[in-house]
Amino acid sequence: MSALPTNYLTPSGREEAWRFTPLKRLNGLHDPATVVADRISIALSGAVRPGFTIATVKAADLPAKSSTDDAIIQRVRATASEVTHLQIAQEAVVAEPIVLTRTLGSSSEFSRTVITAGAHSKATVIVENSGQATIGEEIELRLEAGSNLTFITLQEWSENTVHLGRHHAIVGRDATFNSITVTIGGSLVRLLPTVEYSDQGGSAELLGLYFATDGQHLEHRVHVDHGIPNAKSRVTYKGVLAGDQARTVWIGDVFIRGNAEGTDTYELNKNLLLTDGARADSVPNLEIETGEIVGAGHASTTGRFDDEQLFYLMSRGIPMADARRLVIRGFFTEIINKIGSEAIEERLMSRIDSQLEKVGA
């Protein structure tokens, strides 16, 4: 445990980082006056297998390698006395996904996890979140030289959950980081998928999908910091909204520093509105301090169903409800199919189908 920074400021909602977030719905996670439990809430599903280890260590022995000005993560670091450390051994190839599940407590909690991918290792880590919780978390992913890590987080929370978290990757020389973030549950979910590079040749692909229904607030703030030459990043997030007061926020920030020659980056966000009363905010940003780059671009679209697609399907005898469902499945397929688990993919689509039925979309 450590003290909060002396310059810590409780968010008021007027700050740029918090202007979209309904602070009254955070259950006090942002307020130092609110007592939040220090608890290890990540557990390995199944047995430890060759190629990796998992242990609980003192926070003082495994301090964060990245800086942050996020109020929640500062509170997490100040509160957490222990850290879950998943280590993938050097040159290990772990064929089956390493699955981590959330074991929930009865009160609000803060949790820290560090995942280290050893040099020239290859593995997939899946974090499964379900049930009801109020949680602030930090997951730091450290990719050593030549490693290849796929990181999948599934937010399948029940309807009253509040989840605020940061998933930060530090990508080493010639390392490859692939992440998939899926958010289809919870009352309020605010995630910060972020990347920085510690050496040249690193590559990061950040994929995400979210589906918001009545009253849900789902917020994803992606930040890629290109501070090293010759690195690559791709960001693609897709969202669907249906129901009254369904709200999503997607912020995509890419910062190319003056010394980051040879950077190659692109970010894309697409949103599909199914009903009136839903709102999607999409803000892609590029900040470029050098002209010596391979490429940099961004795009954002928000719209309603493609009537031509619906007409095509319905003209072949498919009822409207089924046609709409097929269009949504097609919209998400690009990302869903990269999870690599047929059981998980079908579970997610079944959840989406059931939520569509509830809102009559």
Protein backbone atom coordinates (compact mmCIF):
# COMPACT_ATOMS: atom_id res chain seq x y z
CA MET A 1 0.00 0.00 0.00
CA SER A 2 1.05 3.60 -0.55
CA ALA A 3 -0.34 7.05 0.01
CA LEU A 4 -2.35 8.92 -2.56
CA PRO A 5 -0.31 11.51 -4.49
CA THR A 6 -0.21 14.85 -2.73
CA ASN A 7 -1.78 16.46 -5.81
CA TYR A 8 -4.69 14.00 -5.92
CA LEU A 9 -7.94 15.71 -6.84
CA THR A 10 -11.33 14.09 -6.46
CA PRO A 11 -12.99 14.25 -9.91
CA SER A 12 -15.76 16.80 -10.15
CA GLY A 13 -16.99 15.96 -13.64
CA ARG A 14 -15.63 19.17 -15.12
CA GLU A 15 -12.30 17.58 -16.05
CA GLU A 16 -11.87 16.47 -19.67
CA ALA A 17 -11.21 12.89 -18.56
CA TRP A 18 -14.45 12.74 -16.60
CA ARG A 19 -16.86 14.99 -18.49
CA PHE A 20 -18.78 12.07 -20.03
CA THR A 21 -18.91 9.95 -16.85
CA PRO A 22 -21.90 10.16 -14.45
CA LEU A 23 -19.96 10.43 -11.18
CA LYS A 24 -23.06 9.88 -9.05
CA ARG A 25 -23.19 6.32 -10.35
CA LEU A 26 -19.64 5.38 -9.31
CA ASN A 27 -20.63 4.26 -5.80
CA GLY A 28 -17.87 6.46 -4.39
CA LEU A 29 -14.94 4.67 -6.04
CA HIS A 30 -13.50 8.06 -7.02
CA ASP A 31 -13.93 9.63 -3.56
CA PRO A 32 -11.18 9.08 -0.94
CA ALA A 33 -13.81 9.50 1.77
CA THR A 34 -15.39 6.20 0.64
CA VAL A 35 -13.83 3.13 2.23
CA VAL A 36 -13.07 0.46 -0.38
CA ALA A 37 -11.82 -3.03 0.45
CA ASP A 38 -8.31 -4.15 -0.50
CA ARG A 39 -8.92 -7.57 -2.00
CA ILE A 40 -7.42 -10.04 -4.45
CA SER A 41 -10.29 -10.78 -6.79
CA ILE A 42 -8.59 -12.59 -9.70
CA ALA A 43 -8.23 -16.36 -9.54
CA LEU A 44 -6.94 -18.97 -11.96
CA SER A 45 -9.62 -21.19 -13.45
CA GLY A 46 -8.27 -24.73 -13.42
CA ALA A 47 -4.79 -25.94 -12.55
CA VAL A 48 -1.41 -24.35 -13.22
CA ARG A 49 0.13 -25.88 -16.34
CA PRO A 50 3.69 -25.94 -17.67
CA GLY A 51 4.83 -22.60 -19.03
CA PHE A 52 3.41 -20.22 -16.44
CA THR A 53 3.06 -19.53 -12.73
CA ILE A 54 0.65 -17.44 -10.71
CA ALA A 55 1.24 -16.07 -7.23
CA THR A 56 0.18 -13.37 -4.79
CA VAL A 57 2.99 -10.96 -3.91
CA LYS A 58 3.31 -7.83 -1.84
CA ALA A 59 2.55 -4.65 -3.76
CA ALA A 60 5.82 -3.12 -2.57
CA ASP A 61 7.71 -5.94 -4.31
CA LEU A 62 5.92 -5.40 -7.62
CA PRO A 63 5.33 -1.67 -8.11
CA ALA A 64 3.68 -0.41 -11.28
CA LYS A 65 6.03 0.35 -14.17
CA SER A 66 3.72 2.92 -15.71
CA SER A 67 2.55 6.33 -14.59
CA THR A 68 -1.10 7.37 -14.39
CA ASP A 69 -3.13 10.42 -13.55
CA ASP A 70 -6.42 8.51 -13.43
CA ALA A 71 -8.10 9.04 -10.07
CA ILE A 72 -9.39 5.49 -9.77
CA ILE A 73 -6.06 3.86 -10.58
CA GLN A 74 -4.29 6.16 -8.14
CA ARG A 75 -6.71 4.95 -5.44
CA VAL A 76 -6.18 1.33 -6.49
CA ARG A 77 -2.41 1.69 -6.14
CA ALA A 78 -2.75 3.46 -2.80
CA THR A 79 -5.06 0.77 -1.42
CA ALA A 80 -3.84 -2.55 -2.82
CA SER A 81 -1.38 -4.26 -0.44
CA GLU A 82 -1.03 -7.38 -2.60
CA VAL A 83 -0.86 -8.08 -6.32
CA THR A 84 -1.73 -11.12 -8.40
CA HIS A 85 1.28 -11.88 -10.62
CA LEU A 86 0.87 -14.16 -13.62
CA GLN A 87 4.25 -14.99 -15.18
CA ILE A 88 4.64 -16.69 -18.55
CA ALA A 89 8.07 -18.24 -18.78
CA GLN A 90 10.67 -17.22 -21.32
CA GLU A 91 10.26 -19.07 -24.64
CA ALA A 92 7.19 -20.89 -23.33
CA VAL A 93 4.37 -21.59 -25.77
CA VAL A 94 1.18 -22.09 -23.77
CA ALA A 95 -1.20 -23.74 -26.21
CA GLU A 96 -4.47 -23.46 -24.27
CA PRO A 97 -5.77 -20.10 -22.99
CA ILE A 98 -4.98 -19.16 -19.40
CA VAL A 99 -8.37 -18.26 -17.92
CA LEU A 100 -8.69 -15.93 -14.94
CA THR A 101 -12.07 -15.49 -13.27
CA ARG A 102 -13.31 -12.82 -10.90
CA THR A 103 -14.20 -14.02 -7.40
CA LEU A 104 -16.51 -11.37 -6.00
CA GLY A 105 -16.70 -10.05 -2.47
CA SER A 106 -19.65 -8.48 -0.70
CA SER A 107 -18.39 -4.89 -0.75
CA SER A 108 -16.67 -2.38 -3.04
CA GLU A 109 -13.10 -3.42 -3.79
CA PHE A 110 -9.83 -2.46 -5.44
CA SER A 111 -7.62 -5.02 -7.17
CA ARG A 112 -4.23 -5.07 -8.95
CA THR A 113 -2.91 -7.69 -11.36
CA VAL A 114 0.39 -7.88 -13.26
CA ILE A 115 0.87 -10.19 -16.25
CA THR A 116 4.44 -10.71 -17.45
CA ALA A 117 5.07 -12.34 -20.81
CA GLY A 118 8.64 -13.61 -20.80
CA ALA A 119 10.97 -13.08 -23.75
CA HIS A 120 9.91 -14.99 -26.89
CA SER A 121 6.91 -16.56 -25.14
CA LYS A 122 3.44 -16.98 -26.62
CA ALA A 123 0.17 -17.19 -24.70
CA THR A 124 -3.47 -16.14 -24.52
CA VAL A 125 -4.95 -14.82 -21.27
CA ILE A 126 -8.72 -14.52 -20.82
CA VAL A 127 -10.24 -12.56 -17.93
CA GLU A 128 -13.90 -13.41 -17.31
CA ASN A 129 -16.02 -10.96 -15.32
CA SER A 130 -19.56 -11.84 -14.31
CA GLY A 131 -21.97 -11.42 -11.40
CA GLN A 132 -22.58 -8.23 -9.44
CA ALA A 133 -19.75 -6.04 -8.17
CA THR A 134 -18.43 -2.57 -7.47
CA ILE A 135 -14.78 -2.76 -8.45
CA GLY A 136 -11.81 -0.65 -9.42
CA GLU A 137 -8.94 -2.57 -10.98
CA GLU A 138 -5.58 -2.19 -12.66
CA ILE A 139 -4.11 -4.85 -14.92
CA GLU A 140 -0.59 -4.15 -16.14
CA LEU A 141 0.77 -6.29 -18.97
CA ARG A 142 4.53 -6.43 -19.45
CA LEU A 143 5.68 -7.88 -22.77
CA GLU A 144 9.37 -8.70 -22.90
CA ALA A 145 11.38 -8.87 -26.14
CA GLY A 146 9.88 -11.03 -28.85
CA SER A 147 6.88 -12.12 -26.79
CA ASN A 148 3.41 -12.61 -28.23
CA LEU A 149 0.48 -12.05 -25.86
CA THR A 150 -3.24 -12.09 -26.60
CA PHE A 151 -5.29 -10.54 -23.80
CA ILE A 152 -9.08 -10.97 -23.79
CA THR A 153 -11.36 -9.35 -21.23
CA LEU A 154 -15.04 -10.23 -21.04
CA GLN A 155 -17.34 -7.90 -19.14
CA GLU A 156 -20.50 -9.99 -18.77
CA TRP A 157 -21.63 -8.31 -15.58
CA SER A 158 -25.11 -8.30 -14.11
CA GLU A 159 -27.16 -5.14 -14.45
CA ASN A 160 -26.14 -3.34 -11.21
CA THR A 161 -22.37 -3.64 -11.53
CA VAL A 162 -19.97 -0.68 -11.49
CA HIS A 163 -16.58 -1.50 -13.01
CA LEU A 164 -13.75 0.98 -13.46
CA GLY A 165 -10.44 -0.28 -14.74
CA ARG A 166 -7.20 0.28 -16.60
CA HIS A 167 -5.58 -2.38 -18.78
CA HIS A 168 -2.13 -1.09 -19.62
CA ALA A 169 0.36 -2.87 -21.89
CA ILE A 170 4.09 -2.12 -22.02
CA VAL A 171 5.31 -3.57 -25.32
CA GLY A 172 8.97 -4.55 -25.61
CA ARG A 173 11.28 -4.96 -28.57
CA ASP A 174 9.65 -6.87 -31.46
CA ALA A 175 6.84 -7.96 -29.14
CA THR A 176 3.26 -8.44 -30.31
CA PHE A 177 0.27 -7.47 -28.19
CA ASN A 178 -3.29 -8.30 -29.21
CA SER A 179 -6.22 -7.35 -27.02
CA ILE A 180 -9.95 -7.96 -27.31
CA THR A 181 -12.27 -6.10 -24.94
CA VAL A 182 -15.93 -7.17 -24.80
CA THR A 183 -18.43 -5.22 -22.70
CA ILE A 184 -22.05 -6.35 -22.73
CA GLY A 185 -23.09 -6.04 -19.11
CA GLY A 186 -23.06 -3.77 -16.08
CA SER A 187 -24.76 -0.57 -15.04
CA LEU A 188 -21.64 1.55 -15.53
CA VAL A 189 -18.40 0.28 -17.03
CA ARG A 190 -15.46 2.62 -17.68
CA LEU A 191 -12.31 0.98 -19.05
CA LEU A 192 -8.96 2.42 -20.09
CA PRO A 193 -7.20 0.11 -22.58
CA THR A 194 -3.77 1.76 -22.96
CA VAL A 195 -0.44 0.95 -24.61
CA GLU A 196 3.11 2.23 -24.48
CA TYR A 197 6.29 0.92 -26.12
CA SER A 198 9.57 0.29 -24.31
CA ASP A 199 11.63 -0.56 -27.42
CA GLN A 200 11.48 -0.63 -31.22
CA GLY A 201 9.62 -3.09 -33.40
CA GLY A 202 6.60 -3.53 -31.13
CA SER A 203 3.11 -4.07 -32.51
CA ALA A 204 -0.26 -3.66 -30.81
CA GLU A 205 -3.77 -4.42 -32.05
CA LEU A 206 -6.65 -3.34 -29.82
CA LEU A 207 -10.07 -4.69 -30.72
CA GLY A 208 -13.28 -4.08 -28.81
CA LEU A 209 -17.02 -4.45 -28.92
CA TYR A 210 -19.76 -3.19 -26.65
CA PHE A 211 -23.53 -3.49 -26.53
CA ALA A 212 -25.54 -1.06 -24.38
CA THR A 213 -29.22 -1.32 -23.52
CA ASP A 214 -31.65 0.61 -21.30
CA GLY A 215 -29.80 2.89 -18.89
CA GLN A 216 -26.35 1.36 -19.35
CA HIS A 217 -23.29 3.61 -19.52
CA LEU A 218 -20.35 1.91 -21.25
CA GLU A 219 -17.20 3.99 -21.67
CA HIS A 220 -13.91 2.98 -23.29
CA ARG A 221 -10.96 5.35 -23.36
CA VAL A 222 -8.18 3.99 -25.55
CA HIS A 223 -4.75 5.63 -25.45
CA VAL A 224 -1.71 4.54 -27.49
CA ASP A 225 1.54 6.33 -26.68
CA HIS A 226 4.05 6.06 -29.52
CA GLY A 227 7.20 7.23 -27.79
CA ILE A 228 9.58 4.81 -29.53
CA PRO A 229 10.56 4.66 -33.24
CA ASN A 230 9.32 1.97 -35.62
CA ALA A 231 6.27 0.68 -33.77
CA LYS A 232 2.81 -0.18 -35.06
CA SER A 233 -0.72 0.06 -33.66
CA ARG A 234 -4.21 -0.70 -34.88
CA VAL A 235 -7.41 0.07 -32.96
CA THR A 236 -10.90 -1.11 -33.96
CA TYR A 237 -13.91 -0.79 -31.65
CA LYS A 238 -17.54 -1.47 -32.55
CA GLY A 239 -20.67 -0.71 -30.56
CA VAL A 240 -24.41 -1.35 -30.74
CA LEU A 241 -26.97 0.60 -28.70
CA ALA A 242 -30.63 -0.20 -28.11
CA GLY A 243 -33.11 1.10 -25.56
CA ASP A 244 -33.92 4.28 -23.69
CA GLN A 245 -30.92 6.10 -22.17
CA ALA A 246 -28.43 3.58 -23.55
CA ARG A 247 -25.14 5.49 -23.59
CA THR A 248 -21.68 4.70 -24.88
CA VAL A 249 -18.51 6.76 -24.95
CA TRP A 250 -15.46 5.88 -27.01
CA ILE A 251 -12.33 8.03 -26.84
CA GLY A 252 -9.40 7.04 -29.05
CA ASP A 253 -6.18 8.94 -28.36
CA VAL A 254 -2.98 8.25 -30.29
CA PHE A 255 0.09 10.30 -29.38
CA ILE A 256 3.09 10.16 -31.74
CA ARG A 257 6.01 11.81 -30.00
CA GLY A 258 8.76 13.71 -31.76
CA ASN A 259 11.24 10.84 -31.56
CA ALA A 260 8.79 8.17 -32.81
CA GLU A 261 9.87 8.09 -36.47
CA GLY A 262 8.52 5.17 -38.48
CA THR A 263 5.25 4.95 -36.56
CA ASP A 264 2.37 3.19 -38.32
CA THR A 265 -1.05 3.66 -36.70
CA TYR A 266 -4.77 3.69 -37.48
CA GLU A 267 -7.88 3.77 -35.28
CA LEU A 268 -11.52 3.10 -36.13
CA ASN A 269 -14.77 3.29 -34.18
CA LYS A 270 -18.20 2.27 -35.53
CA ASN A 271 -21.52 2.57 -33.72
CA LEU A 272 -24.92 1.20 -34.69
CA LEU A 273 -28.04 2.78 -33.13
CA LEU A 274 -31.06 0.50 -33.06
CA THR A 275 -33.62 2.67 -31.23
CA ASP A 276 -34.45 6.24 -30.34
CA GLY A 277 -33.18 7.42 -26.97
CA ALA A 278 -29.73 5.88 -27.40
CA ARG A 279 -26.60 8.03 -27.63
CA ALA A 280 -23.08 7.23 -28.76
CA ASP A 281 -20.19 9.66 -28.30
CA SER A 282 -17.13 8.91 -30.43
CA VAL A 283 -14.00 11.06 -30.23
CA PRO A 284 -10.91 9.91 -32.18
CA ASN A 285 -7.79 12.02 -31.63
CA LEU A 286 -4.35 12.06 -33.25
CA GLU A 287 -1.48 14.14 -31.88
CA ILE A 288 1.60 14.01 -34.11
CA GLU A 289 4.93 15.64 -33.31
CA THR A 290 6.95 14.26 -36.23
CA GLY A 291 6.33 13.99 -39.95
CA GLU A 292 8.68 11.03 -40.36
CA ILE A 293 6.03 8.33 -40.03
CA VAL A 294 4.74 5.43 -42.13
CA GLY A 295 1.13 6.42 -41.66
CA ALA A 296 -1.48 7.71 -39.23
CA GLY A 297 -5.23 7.95 -39.57
CA HIS A 298 -8.57 7.59 -37.87
CA ALA A 299 -12.25 7.21 -38.67
CA SER A 300 -15.51 7.22 -36.75
CA THR A 301 -19.07 6.44 -37.86
CA THR A 302 -22.42 6.39 -36.05
CA GLY A 303 -25.60 5.43 -37.82
CA ARG A 304 -28.72 3.31 -37.97
CA PHE A 305 -29.49 0.04 -39.71
CA ASP A 306 -28.64 -0.28 -43.36
CA ASP A 307 -32.10 -0.52 -44.94
CA GLU A 308 -30.68 -2.23 -48.02
CA GLN A 309 -29.25 -5.05 -45.91
CA LEU A 310 -32.57 -5.55 -44.15
CA PHE A 311 -34.49 -5.45 -47.43
CA TYR A 312 -32.14 -8.00 -48.99
CA LEU A 313 -32.64 -10.46 -46.12
CA MET A 314 -36.39 -9.90 -45.81
CA SER A 315 -36.87 -10.32 -49.56
CA ARG A 316 -35.59 -13.86 -49.09
CA GLY A 317 -38.26 -14.69 -46.56
CA ILE A 318 -36.38 -13.86 -43.35
CA PRO A 319 -38.61 -12.15 -40.74
CA MET A 320 -37.56 -8.62 -39.72
CA ALA A 321 -36.52 -9.58 -36.18
CA ASP A 322 -34.28 -12.37 -37.47
CA ALA A 323 -32.92 -10.12 -40.22
CA ARG A 324 -31.95 -7.46 -37.67
CA ARG A 325 -30.28 -10.10 -35.53
CA LEU A 326 -28.27 -11.35 -38.51
CA VAL A 327 -27.12 -7.82 -39.34
CA ILE A 328 -25.94 -7.31 -35.74
CA ARG A 329 -24.13 -10.64 -35.73
CA GLY A 330 -22.42 -9.62 -38.96
CA PHE A 331 -21.46 -6.27 -37.48
CA PHE A 332 -19.71 -7.97 -34.55
CA THR A 333 -18.33 -11.02 -36.40
CA GLU A 334 -15.00 -9.41 -37.35
CA ILE A 335 -14.09 -9.09 -33.68
CA ILE A 336 -16.01 -11.97 -32.08
CA ASN A 337 -14.41 -14.55 -34.36
CA LYS A 338 -10.93 -13.54 -33.23
CA ILE A 339 -11.57 -14.73 -29.67
CA GLY A 340 -10.81 -18.24 -30.86
CA SER A 341 -13.24 -20.08 -28.59
CA GLU A 342 -16.48 -21.28 -30.15
CA ALA A 343 -18.09 -21.70 -26.71
CA ILE A 344 -17.27 -18.12 -25.65
CA GLU A 345 -18.25 -16.67 -29.02
CA GLU A 346 -21.66 -18.35 -28.94
CA ARG A 347 -22.19 -17.42 -25.28
CA LEU A 348 -21.59 -13.75 -26.07
CA MET A 349 -23.91 -13.76 -29.06
CA SER A 350 -26.61 -15.52 -27.04
CA ARG A 351 -26.35 -12.80 -24.40
CA ILE A 352 -26.67 -10.13 -27.09
CA ASP A 353 -29.68 -11.90 -28.60
CA SER A 354 -31.42 -12.05 -25.22
CA GLN A 355 -30.80 -8.35 -24.59
CA LEU A 356 -32.21 -7.51 -28.02
CA GLU A 357 -35.36 -9.40 -27.14
CA LYS A 358 -35.72 -7.49 -23.85
CA VAL A 359 -35.66 -4.10 -25.55
CA GLY A 360 -37.68 -5.25 -28.53
CA ALA A 361 -34.99 -4.29 -31.03
